Amino acid sequence: MLKPLHNPEDGQMRVAGLMSGSGTNLVEIIKTEKAYEKEFGKFPYAVVVIFSDTFDCNAARIGKEYDIPVVMRDKKGFYAKRNALLRDLEVRAEFDAENVRALAPYDATVAAYAGYMSIATAPLISAFLGINVHPADLSIKNEDGSRKYTGDNAVRDAILAGEHELRSTTHIIEPIVDGGRILMISSPLEVNFHEWFGYSPSKEEINQFFKDEPKKAEEITNVHQSRLKRIGDWVIFPNTLTYLAQGKYLQDERGALFFEDKHDSAQLQKIPDGYRID
């Protein structure tokens, strides 16, 4: 039997926006909500609180601009008080448990990981249905079946591997970092090697160039990451949350995901590698 990840009959989906830095992904989520509300009234989801694990971010500014409550708790200070290293995930679980208690008054059921740079541990994962956007096509696998482009350097890794297209992916937050079930994969961004090389280089030439010209390599990575954010992250993150709030994402008793086709509600697509928007 299929059940929606969020049942719209339970009311408007309440979202906690989690962020650590600029919050640009969160702003796009909020803008989508507010634009619809202004024109048509109530939207399927609402960002009801913003949470940040650092005071050195844009959370307060975003909260002020959009009249959304903000909860801020400094992760580094939490660790320093306990004389612990930031990689200590037992302390992270303590931190997450306190964060869940701090967010409890807002009755959010979904957490949008919008540039949230901390690894989520069990208390946070179990408290909310977490949705993340990652700047890579997570359906691409290594020979051993593991996901190829995970982690903070996914865009750089894909370029170094000679990929001619980059995509973003939304997925559910689960215990393995960037390993959660895929929800949506974006349209492609072409990697225009001619723009930088004047010709189509081999994988070996790309890797050598990145070694010889680290500043130029960083520029290439940043330019592509910025472009991907605009046509990937900022499109599929709000779309994923909208479809989730409308009850279009369903799962069976084994956790396999299905998507109710937006053009034909009688059609269900099994999405082992995500619903693509090509």
C-alpha atoms as a PDB file:
ATOM      1  CA  MET A   1       0.000   0.000   0.000  1.00  0.00           C
ATOM      2  CA  LEU A   2       1.348   3.417  -0.958  1.00  0.00           C
ATOM      3  CA  LYS A   3       1.325   6.292   1.508  1.00  0.00           C
ATOM      4  CA  PRO A   4       2.289   9.931   0.811  1.00  0.00           C
ATOM      5  CA  LEU A   5       5.428  11.214   2.513  1.00  0.00           C
ATOM      6  CA  HIS A   6       3.236  14.176   3.456  1.00  0.00           C
ATOM      7  CA  ASN A   7      -0.539  13.897   3.397  1.00  0.00           C
ATOM      8  CA  PRO A   8      -2.099  17.236   2.363  1.00  0.00           C
ATOM      9  CA  GLU A   9      -5.249  16.220   4.246  1.00  0.00           C
ATOM     10  CA  ASP A  10      -3.206  16.820   7.410  1.00  0.00           C
ATOM     11  CA  GLY A  11      -2.987  20.510   6.493  1.00  0.00           C
ATOM     12  CA  GLN A  12      -0.355  22.845   5.145  1.00  0.00           C
ATOM     13  CA  MET A  13       3.152  21.353   5.287  1.00  0.00           C
ATOM     14  CA  ARG A  14       5.198  23.235   7.893  1.00  0.00           C
ATOM     15  CA  VAL A  15       8.880  23.580   7.029  1.00  0.00           C
ATOM     16  CA  ALA A  16      11.928  24.423   9.133  1.00  0.00           C
ATOM     17  CA  GLY A  17      14.647  25.964   6.985  1.00  0.00           C
ATOM     18  CA  LEU A  18      18.137  24.863   8.107  1.00  0.00           C
ATOM     19  CA  MET A  19      21.128  26.925   6.987  1.00  0.00           C
ATOM     20  CA  SER A  20      24.722  27.755   7.876  1.00  0.00           C
ATOM     21  CA  GLY A  21      25.819  30.453   5.418  1.00  0.00           C
ATOM     22  CA  SER A  22      24.321  32.696   2.743  1.00  0.00           C
ATOM     23  CA  GLY A  23      20.944  30.978   2.696  1.00  0.00           C
ATOM     24  CA  THR A  24      20.385  31.529  -1.034  1.00  0.00           C
ATOM     25  CA  ASN A  25      18.630  28.171  -1.451  1.00  0.00           C
ATOM     26  CA  LEU A  26      16.349  28.945   1.473  1.00  0.00           C
ATOM     27  CA  VAL A  27      15.506  32.355   0.010  1.00  0.00           C
ATOM     28  CA  GLU A  28      14.339  30.710  -3.225  1.00  0.00           C
ATOM     29  CA  ILE A  29      12.133  28.339  -1.229  1.00  0.00           C
ATOM     30  CA  ILE A  30      10.610  31.257   0.672  1.00  0.00           C
ATOM     31  CA  LYS A  31      10.206  33.404  -2.455  1.00  0.00           C
ATOM     32  CA  THR A  32       8.273  30.612  -4.171  1.00  0.00           C
ATOM     33  CA  GLU A  33       5.938  30.387  -1.198  1.00  0.00           C
ATOM     34  CA  LYS A  34       5.446  34.153  -0.840  1.00  0.00           C
ATOM     35  CA  ALA A  35       4.913  34.805  -4.564  1.00  0.00           C
ATOM     36  CA  TYR A  36       2.137  32.221  -4.713  1.00  0.00           C
ATOM     37  CA  GLU A  37       0.538  33.496  -1.510  1.00  0.00           C
ATOM     38  CA  LYS A  38       0.509  37.061  -2.859  1.00  0.00           C
ATOM     39  CA  GLU A  39      -1.283  36.049  -6.047  1.00  0.00           C
ATOM     40  CA  PHE A  40      -3.456  33.103  -5.043  1.00  0.00           C
ATOM     41  CA  GLY A  41      -3.559  32.854  -1.253  1.00  0.00           C
ATOM     42  CA  LYS A  42      -2.393  29.910   0.864  1.00  0.00           C
ATOM     43  CA  PHE A  43       0.482  27.824  -0.556  1.00  0.00           C
ATOM     44  CA  PRO A  44       0.883  24.042   0.056  1.00  0.00           C
ATOM     45  CA  TYR A  45       3.908  24.640   2.316  1.00  0.00           C
ATOM     46  CA  ALA A  46       5.085  27.367   4.689  1.00  0.00           C
ATOM     47  CA  VAL A  47       8.538  28.019   6.108  1.00  0.00           C
ATOM     48  CA  VAL A  48       7.602  28.570   9.745  1.00  0.00           C
ATOM     49  CA  VAL A  49      11.071  28.875  11.300  1.00  0.00           C
ATOM     50  CA  ILE A  50      14.693  29.333  10.260  1.00  0.00           C
ATOM     51  CA  PHE A  51      17.447  27.522  12.148  1.00  0.00           C
ATOM     52  CA  SER A  52      21.200  28.094  11.921  1.00  0.00           C
ATOM     53  CA  ASP A  53      24.093  26.341  13.648  1.00  0.00           C
ATOM     54  CA  THR A  54      26.224  29.501  13.510  1.00  0.00           C
ATOM     55  CA  PHE A  55      25.737  33.190  14.209  1.00  0.00           C
ATOM     56  CA  ASP A  56      28.013  34.050  11.279  1.00  0.00           C
ATOM     57  CA  CYS A  57      25.343  33.698   8.597  1.00  0.00           C
ATOM     58  CA  ASN A  58      22.409  35.461   6.941  1.00  0.00           C
ATOM     59  CA  ALA A  59      19.678  33.775   8.990  1.00  0.00           C
ATOM     60  CA  ALA A  60      18.749  36.880  10.976  1.00  0.00           C
ATOM     61  CA  ARG A  61      18.609  39.050   7.844  1.00  0.00           C
ATOM     62  CA  ILE A  62      16.433  36.542   5.987  1.00  0.00           C
ATOM     63  CA  GLY A  63      14.150  36.116   8.983  1.00  0.00           C
ATOM     64  CA  LYS A  64      13.720  39.884   9.281  1.00  0.00           C
ATOM     65  CA  GLU A  65      13.060  40.359   5.560  1.00  0.00           C
ATOM     66  CA  TYR A  66      10.384  37.654   5.394  1.00  0.00           C
ATOM     67  CA  ASP A  67       9.011  37.929   8.951  1.00  0.00           C
ATOM     68  CA  ILE A  68       9.982  34.383   9.943  1.00  0.00           C
ATOM     69  CA  PRO A  69      11.170  33.417  13.448  1.00  0.00           C
ATOM     70  CA  VAL A  70      14.868  32.538  13.700  1.00  0.00           C
ATOM     71  CA  VAL A  71      16.564  30.102  16.086  1.00  0.00           C
ATOM     72  CA  MET A  72      20.371  30.279  16.214  1.00  0.00           C
ATOM     73  CA  ARG A  73      22.675  28.024  18.224  1.00  0.00           C
ATOM     74  CA  ASP A  74      26.431  28.065  17.720  1.00  0.00           C
ATOM     75  CA  LYS A  75      27.863  24.623  17.031  1.00  0.00           C
ATOM     76  CA  LYS A  76      31.474  25.652  17.609  1.00  0.00           C
ATOM     77  CA  GLY A  77      30.618  27.146  20.985  1.00  0.00           C
ATOM     78  CA  PHE A  78      28.720  23.987  21.946  1.00  0.00           C
ATOM     79  CA  TYR A  79      31.780  21.876  21.132  1.00  0.00           C
ATOM     80  CA  ALA A  80      34.238  24.268  22.789  1.00  0.00           C
ATOM     81  CA  LYS A  81      32.269  24.152  26.044  1.00  0.00           C
ATOM     82  CA  ARG A  82      32.746  20.382  26.029  1.00  0.00           C
ATOM     83  CA  ASN A  83      36.394  20.453  24.888  1.00  0.00           C
ATOM     84  CA  ALA A  84      35.376  18.238  21.978  1.00  0.00           C
ATOM     85  CA  LEU A  85      36.483  18.052  18.346  1.00  0.00           C
ATOM     86  CA  LEU A  86      33.966  19.005  15.661  1.00  0.00           C
ATOM     87  CA  ARG A  87      34.168  15.527  14.147  1.00  0.00           C
ATOM     88  CA  ASP A  88      32.828  13.959  17.367  1.00  0.00           C
ATOM     89  CA  LEU A  89      29.389  12.777  16.258  1.00  0.00           C
ATOM     90  CA  GLU A  90      28.332  11.800  19.778  1.00  0.00           C
ATOM     91  CA  VAL A  91      28.545  15.462  20.748  1.00  0.00           C
ATOM     92  CA  ARG A  92      26.799  16.327  17.471  1.00  0.00           C
ATOM     93  CA  ALA A  93      23.903  14.078  18.522  1.00  0.00           C
ATOM     94  CA  GLU A  94      23.665  16.008  21.820  1.00  0.00           C
ATOM     95  CA  PHE A  95      23.660  19.245  19.854  1.00  0.00           C
ATOM     96  CA  ASP A  96      20.969  17.960  17.486  1.00  0.00           C
ATOM     97  CA  ALA A  97      18.779  16.774  20.361  1.00  0.00           C
ATOM     98  CA  GLU A  98      18.850  20.268  21.861  1.00  0.00           C
ATOM     99  CA  ASN A  99      18.147  21.781  18.438  1.00  0.00           C
ATOM    100  CA  VAL A 100      15.075  19.576  18.051  1.00  0.00           C
ATOM    101  CA  ARG A 101      13.803  20.767  21.440  1.00  0.00           C
ATOM    102  CA  ALA A 102      14.409  24.395  20.417  1.00  0.00           C
ATOM    103  CA  LEU A 103      12.400  23.899  17.211  1.00  0.00           C
ATOM    104  CA  ALA A 104       9.547  21.952  18.821  1.00  0.00           C
ATOM    105  CA  PRO A 105       7.266  24.996  19.426  1.00  0.00           C
ATOM    106  CA  TYR A 106       7.022  25.614  15.668  1.00  0.00           C
ATOM    107  CA  ASP A 107       5.435  22.229  14.863  1.00  0.00           C
ATOM    108  CA  ALA A 108       7.439  21.724  11.667  1.00  0.00           C
ATOM    109  CA  THR A 109       7.310  18.271  10.104  1.00  0.00           C
ATOM    110  CA  VAL A 110       9.809  18.836   7.286  1.00  0.00           C
ATOM    111  CA  ALA A 111      13.344  20.242   7.442  1.00  0.00           C
ATOM    112  CA  ALA A 112      14.782  21.859   4.307  1.00  0.00           C
ATOM    113  CA  TYR A 113      18.571  21.531   4.461  1.00  0.00           C
ATOM    114  CA  ALA A 114      19.335  24.743   2.589  1.00  0.00           C
ATOM    115  CA  GLY A 115      23.098  25.012   2.821  1.00  0.00           C
ATOM    116  CA  TYR A 116      23.218  23.411   6.265  1.00  0.00           C
ATOM    117  CA  MET A 117      26.836  22.350   6.685  1.00  0.00           C
ATOM    118  CA  SER A 118      26.568  20.035   9.691  1.00  0.00           C
ATOM    119  CA  ILE A 119      26.162  16.273   9.423  1.00  0.00           C
ATOM    120  CA  ALA A 120      22.690  15.353  10.678  1.00  0.00           C
ATOM    121  CA  THR A 121      22.576  12.733  13.424  1.00  0.00           C
ATOM    122  CA  ALA A 122      19.742  10.489  14.615  1.00  0.00           C
ATOM    123  CA  PRO A 123      17.809  13.028  16.769  1.00  0.00           C
ATOM    124  CA  LEU A 124      17.475  15.461  13.860  1.00  0.00           C
ATOM    125  CA  ILE A 125      16.857  12.792  11.220  1.00  0.00           C
ATOM    126  CA  SER A 126      14.080  11.179  13.252  1.00  0.00           C
ATOM    127  CA  ALA A 127      12.407  14.464  14.219  1.00  0.00           C
ATOM    128  CA  PHE A 128      11.795  15.736  10.676  1.00  0.00           C
ATOM    129  CA  LEU A 129      11.490  14.505   7.118  1.00  0.00           C
ATOM    130  CA  GLY A 130      14.722  16.090   5.904  1.00  0.00           C
ATOM    131  CA  ILE A 131      15.085  17.258   2.293  1.00  0.00           C
ATOM    132  CA  ASN A 132      18.464  18.291   0.885  1.00  0.00           C
ATOM    133  CA  VAL A 133      19.678  19.578  -2.477  1.00  0.00           C
ATOM    134  CA  HIS A 134      23.097  18.415  -3.677  1.00  0.00           C
ATOM    135  CA  PRO A 135      25.057  19.894  -6.612  1.00  0.00           C
ATOM    136  CA  ALA A 136      25.532  16.633  -8.517  1.00  0.00           C
ATOM    137  CA  ASP A 137      23.626  13.860 -10.237  1.00  0.00           C
ATOM    138  CA  LEU A 138      23.450  11.326  -7.409  1.00  0.00           C
ATOM    139  CA  SER A 139      22.179   8.632  -9.765  1.00  0.00           C
ATOM    140  CA  ILE A 140      25.695   8.283 -11.223  1.00  0.00           C
ATOM    141  CA  LYS A 141      27.452   5.342  -9.571  1.00  0.00           C
ATOM    142  CA  ASN A 142      30.972   4.013  -9.128  1.00  0.00           C
ATOM    143  CA  GLU A 143      31.721   0.450 -10.206  1.00  0.00           C
ATOM    144  CA  ASP A 144      31.039  -0.772  -6.673  1.00  0.00           C
ATOM    145  CA  GLY A 145      27.552   0.759  -6.749  1.00  0.00           C
ATOM    146  CA  SER A 146      28.330   3.708  -4.466  1.00  0.00           C
ATOM    147  CA  ARG A 147      27.369   7.229  -5.479  1.00  0.00           C
ATOM    148  CA  LYS A 148      30.136   8.872  -7.446  1.00  0.00           C
ATOM    149  CA  TYR A 149      29.757  12.587  -6.756  1.00  0.00           C
ATOM    150  CA  THR A 150      29.122  13.128  -3.056  1.00  0.00           C
ATOM    151  CA  GLY A 151      30.635  15.546  -0.549  1.00  0.00           C
ATOM    152  CA  ASP A 152      31.626  19.205  -0.681  1.00  0.00           C
ATOM    153  CA  ASN A 153      33.684  18.942  -3.888  1.00  0.00           C
ATOM    154  CA  ALA A 154      31.058  17.287  -6.093  1.00  0.00           C
ATOM    155  CA  VAL A 155      31.148  19.906  -8.868  1.00  0.00           C
ATOM    156  CA  ARG A 156      34.943  19.872  -9.048  1.00  0.00           C
ATOM    157  CA  ASP A 157      35.003  16.061  -9.000  1.00  0.00           C
ATOM    158  CA  ALA A 158      32.514  15.848 -11.877  1.00  0.00           C
ATOM    159  CA  ILE A 159      34.502  18.304 -13.989  1.00  0.00           C
ATOM    160  CA  LEU A 160      37.735  16.440 -13.269  1.00  0.00           C
ATOM    161  CA  ALA A 161      36.045  13.212 -14.339  1.00  0.00           C
ATOM    162  CA  GLY A 162      35.298  14.794 -17.704  1.00  0.00           C
ATOM    163  CA  GLU A 163      31.516  14.946 -17.242  1.00  0.00           C
ATOM    164  CA  HIS A 164      29.947  17.075 -19.993  1.00  0.00           C
ATOM    165  CA  GLU A 165      26.773  17.699 -17.988  1.00  0.00           C
ATOM    166  CA  LEU A 166      26.160  18.710 -14.378  1.00  0.00           C
ATOM    167  CA  ARG A 167      22.871  18.281 -12.531  1.00  0.00           C
ATOM    168  CA  SER A 168      21.493  18.926  -9.052  1.00  0.00           C
ATOM    169  CA  THR A 169      19.613  16.347  -6.985  1.00  0.00           C
ATOM    170  CA  THR A 170      17.098  16.577  -4.153  1.00  0.00           C
ATOM    171  CA  HIS A 171      17.072  13.656  -1.755  1.00  0.00           C
ATOM    172  CA  ILE A 172      15.811  12.591   1.632  1.00  0.00           C
ATOM    173  CA  ILE A 173      18.202  13.049   4.550  1.00  0.00           C
ATOM    174  CA  GLU A 174      19.195   9.603   5.793  1.00  0.00           C
ATOM    175  CA  PRO A 175      22.128   8.362   7.927  1.00  0.00           C
ATOM    176  CA  ILE A 176      24.642   8.121   5.027  1.00  0.00           C
ATOM    177  CA  VAL A 177      25.781  11.595   3.922  1.00  0.00           C
ATOM    178  CA  ASP A 178      24.401  12.288   0.402  1.00  0.00           C
ATOM    179  CA  GLY A 179      23.108   8.712   0.438  1.00  0.00           C
ATOM    180  CA  GLY A 180      19.384   9.280   0.942  1.00  0.00           C
ATOM    181  CA  ARG A 181      16.633   8.280  -1.455  1.00  0.00           C
ATOM    182  CA  ILE A 182      16.503  10.515  -4.533  1.00  0.00           C
ATOM    183  CA  LEU A 183      13.457  12.711  -5.152  1.00  0.00           C
ATOM    184  CA  MET A 184      14.269  14.877  -8.175  1.00  0.00           C
ATOM    185  CA  ILE A 185      17.145  15.459 -10.607  1.00  0.00           C
ATOM    186  CA  SER A 186      17.480  18.767 -12.419  1.00  0.00           C
ATOM    187  CA  SER A 187      17.848  19.647 -16.061  1.00  0.00           C
ATOM    188  CA  PRO A 188      21.486  19.531 -17.202  1.00  0.00           C
ATOM    189  CA  LEU A 189      24.048  22.298 -17.197  1.00  0.00           C
ATOM    190  CA  GLU A 190      26.528  21.831 -20.020  1.00  0.00           C
ATOM    191  CA  VAL A 191      30.193  21.906 -19.020  1.00  0.00           C
ATOM    192  CA  ASN A 192      31.574  24.098 -21.793  1.00  0.00           C
ATOM    193  CA  PHE A 193      35.194  23.001 -21.928  1.00  0.00           C
ATOM    194  CA  HIS A 194      35.701  25.091 -25.093  1.00  0.00           C
ATOM    195  CA  GLU A 195      35.053  28.210 -22.998  1.00  0.00           C
ATOM    196  CA  TRP A 196      38.165  27.483 -20.934  1.00  0.00           C
ATOM    197  CA  PHE A 197      40.403  25.387 -23.195  1.00  0.00           C
ATOM    198  CA  GLY A 198      39.409  26.415 -26.713  1.00  0.00           C
ATOM    199  CA  TYR A 199      38.929  22.728 -27.552  1.00  0.00           C
ATOM    200  CA  SER A 200      37.524  19.530 -26.036  1.00  0.00           C
ATOM    201  CA  PRO A 201      40.246  18.277 -23.645  1.00  0.00           C
ATOM    202  CA  SER A 202      40.790  14.719 -22.473  1.00  0.00           C
ATOM    203  CA  LYS A 203      40.203  13.734 -18.863  1.00  0.00           C
ATOM    204  CA  GLU A 204      43.991  13.597 -18.390  1.00  0.00           C
ATOM    205  CA  GLU A 205      44.415  17.121 -19.765  1.00  0.00           C
ATOM    206  CA  ILE A 206      41.710  18.440 -17.438  1.00  0.00           C
ATOM    207  CA  ASN A 207      43.375  16.876 -14.406  1.00  0.00           C
ATOM    208  CA  GLN A 208      46.789  18.223 -15.386  1.00  0.00           C
ATOM    209  CA  PHE A 209      45.348  21.698 -15.917  1.00  0.00           C
ATOM    210  CA  PHE A 210      43.742  21.641 -12.466  1.00  0.00           C
ATOM    211  CA  LYS A 211      47.117  20.693 -10.971  1.00  0.00           C
ATOM    212  CA  ASP A 212      49.075  23.334 -12.897  1.00  0.00           C
ATOM    213  CA  GLU A 213      46.544  26.177 -12.577  1.00  0.00           C
ATOM    214  CA  PRO A 214      44.855  25.858  -9.159  1.00  0.00           C
ATOM    215  CA  LYS A 215      43.446  29.408  -9.152  1.00  0.00           C
ATOM    216  CA  LYS A 216      41.979  29.002 -12.613  1.00  0.00           C
ATOM    217  CA  ALA A 217      40.644  25.592 -11.622  1.00  0.00           C
ATOM    218  CA  GLU A 218      38.915  27.134  -8.608  1.00  0.00           C
ATOM    219  CA  GLU A 219      37.409  29.809 -10.857  1.00  0.00           C
ATOM    220  CA  ILE A 220      36.079  27.179 -13.277  1.00  0.00           C
ATOM    221  CA  THR A 221      34.559  25.200 -10.405  1.00  0.00           C
ATOM    222  CA  ASN A 222      32.947  28.267  -8.819  1.00  0.00           C
ATOM    223  CA  VAL A 223      31.494  29.497 -12.117  1.00  0.00           C
ATOM    224  CA  HIS A 224      29.896  26.127 -12.826  1.00  0.00           C
ATOM    225  CA  GLN A 225      28.650  25.770  -9.252  1.00  0.00           C
ATOM    226  CA  SER A 226      27.017  29.202  -9.463  1.00  0.00           C
ATOM    227  CA  ARG A 227      25.391  28.402 -12.812  1.00  0.00           C
ATOM    228  CA  LEU A 228      24.184  25.038 -11.537  1.00  0.00           C
ATOM    229  CA  LYS A 229      22.652  26.663  -8.463  1.00  0.00           C
ATOM    230  CA  ARG A 230      20.543  28.920 -10.688  1.00  0.00           C
ATOM    231  CA  ILE A 231      19.225  26.295 -13.116  1.00  0.00           C
ATOM    232  CA  GLY A 232      19.391  23.346 -10.731  1.00  0.00           C
ATOM    233  CA  ASP A 233      19.116  23.974  -6.982  1.00  0.00           C
ATOM    234  CA  TRP A 234      16.815  27.002  -7.213  1.00  0.00           C
ATOM    235  CA  VAL A 235      14.414  25.139  -9.502  1.00  0.00           C
ATOM    236  CA  ILE A 236      14.169  21.642  -8.070  1.00  0.00           C
ATOM    237  CA  PHE A 237      14.327  22.480  -4.347  1.00  0.00           C
ATOM    238  CA  PRO A 238      11.101  24.569  -4.326  1.00  0.00           C
ATOM    239  CA  ASN A 239       9.518  22.142  -6.809  1.00  0.00           C
ATOM    240  CA  THR A 240      10.353  19.128  -4.658  1.00  0.00           C
ATOM    241  CA  LEU A 241       8.872  20.757  -1.555  1.00  0.00           C
ATOM    242  CA  THR A 242       5.767  21.789  -3.507  1.00  0.00           C
ATOM    243  CA  TYR A 243       5.183  18.278  -4.853  1.00  0.00           C
ATOM    244  CA  LEU A 244       5.891  16.829  -1.413  1.00  0.00           C
ATOM    245  CA  ALA A 245       3.341  19.195   0.148  1.00  0.00           C
ATOM    246  CA  GLN A 246       0.782  18.215  -2.520  1.00  0.00           C
ATOM    247  CA  GLY A 247       1.175  14.547  -1.612  1.00  0.00           C
ATOM    248  CA  LYS A 248       2.747  13.586  -4.944  1.00  0.00           C
ATOM    249  CA  TYR A 249       5.646  11.661  -3.367  1.00  0.00           C
ATOM    250  CA  LEU A 250       4.569   8.277  -2.020  1.00  0.00           C
ATOM    251  CA  GLN A 251       6.335   5.254  -0.578  1.00  0.00           C
ATOM    252  CA  ASP A 252       5.457   1.592  -0.172  1.00  0.00           C
ATOM    253  CA  GLU A 253       5.961  -0.562   2.920  1.00  0.00           C
ATOM    254  CA  ARG A 254       9.590  -1.207   1.901  1.00  0.00           C
ATOM    255  CA  GLY A 255      10.406   2.484   1.480  1.00  0.00           C
ATOM    256  CA  ALA A 256      10.481   2.481  -2.339  1.00  0.00           C
ATOM    257  CA  LEU A 257       9.478   5.897  -3.653  1.00  0.00           C
ATOM    258  CA  PHE A 258       6.860   6.731  -6.257  1.00  0.00           C
ATOM    259  CA  PHE A 259       5.866   9.998  -7.912  1.00  0.00           C
ATOM    260  CA  GLU A 260       2.317  10.826  -8.956  1.00  0.00           C
ATOM    261  CA  ASP A 261       2.611  12.245 -12.469  1.00  0.00           C
ATOM    262  CA  LYS A 262       1.685  15.933 -12.480  1.00  0.00           C
ATOM    263  CA  HIS A 263      -0.107  15.555 -15.818  1.00  0.00           C
ATOM    264  CA  ASP A 264      -2.015  12.358 -15.021  1.00  0.00           C
ATOM    265  CA  SER A 265      -2.850  11.616 -11.397  1.00  0.00           C
ATOM    266  CA  ALA A 266      -3.682   8.039 -12.355  1.00  0.00           C
ATOM    267  CA  GLN A 267      -0.064   7.370 -13.323  1.00  0.00           C
ATOM    268  CA  LEU A 268       2.610   6.512 -10.775  1.00  0.00           C
ATOM    269  CA  GLN A 269       6.313   6.480 -11.566  1.00  0.00           C
ATOM    270  CA  LYS A 270       8.726   4.455  -9.476  1.00  0.00           C
ATOM    271  CA  ILE A 271      11.731   6.700  -8.935  1.00  0.00           C
ATOM    272  CA  PRO A 272      14.841   4.690  -8.040  1.00  0.00           C
ATOM    273  CA  ASP A 273      16.961   7.425  -9.628  1.00  0.00           C
ATOM    274  CA  GLY A 274      14.707  10.429  -9.077  1.00  0.00           C
ATOM    275  CA  TYR A 275      11.975  12.222 -10.981  1.00  0.00           C
ATOM    276  CA  ARG A 276      13.706  14.186 -13.735  1.00  0.00           C
ATOM    277  CA  ILE A 277      12.421  17.503 -15.070  1.00  0.00           C
ATOM    278  CA  ASP A 278      14.054  17.390 -18.517  1.00  0.00           C
END
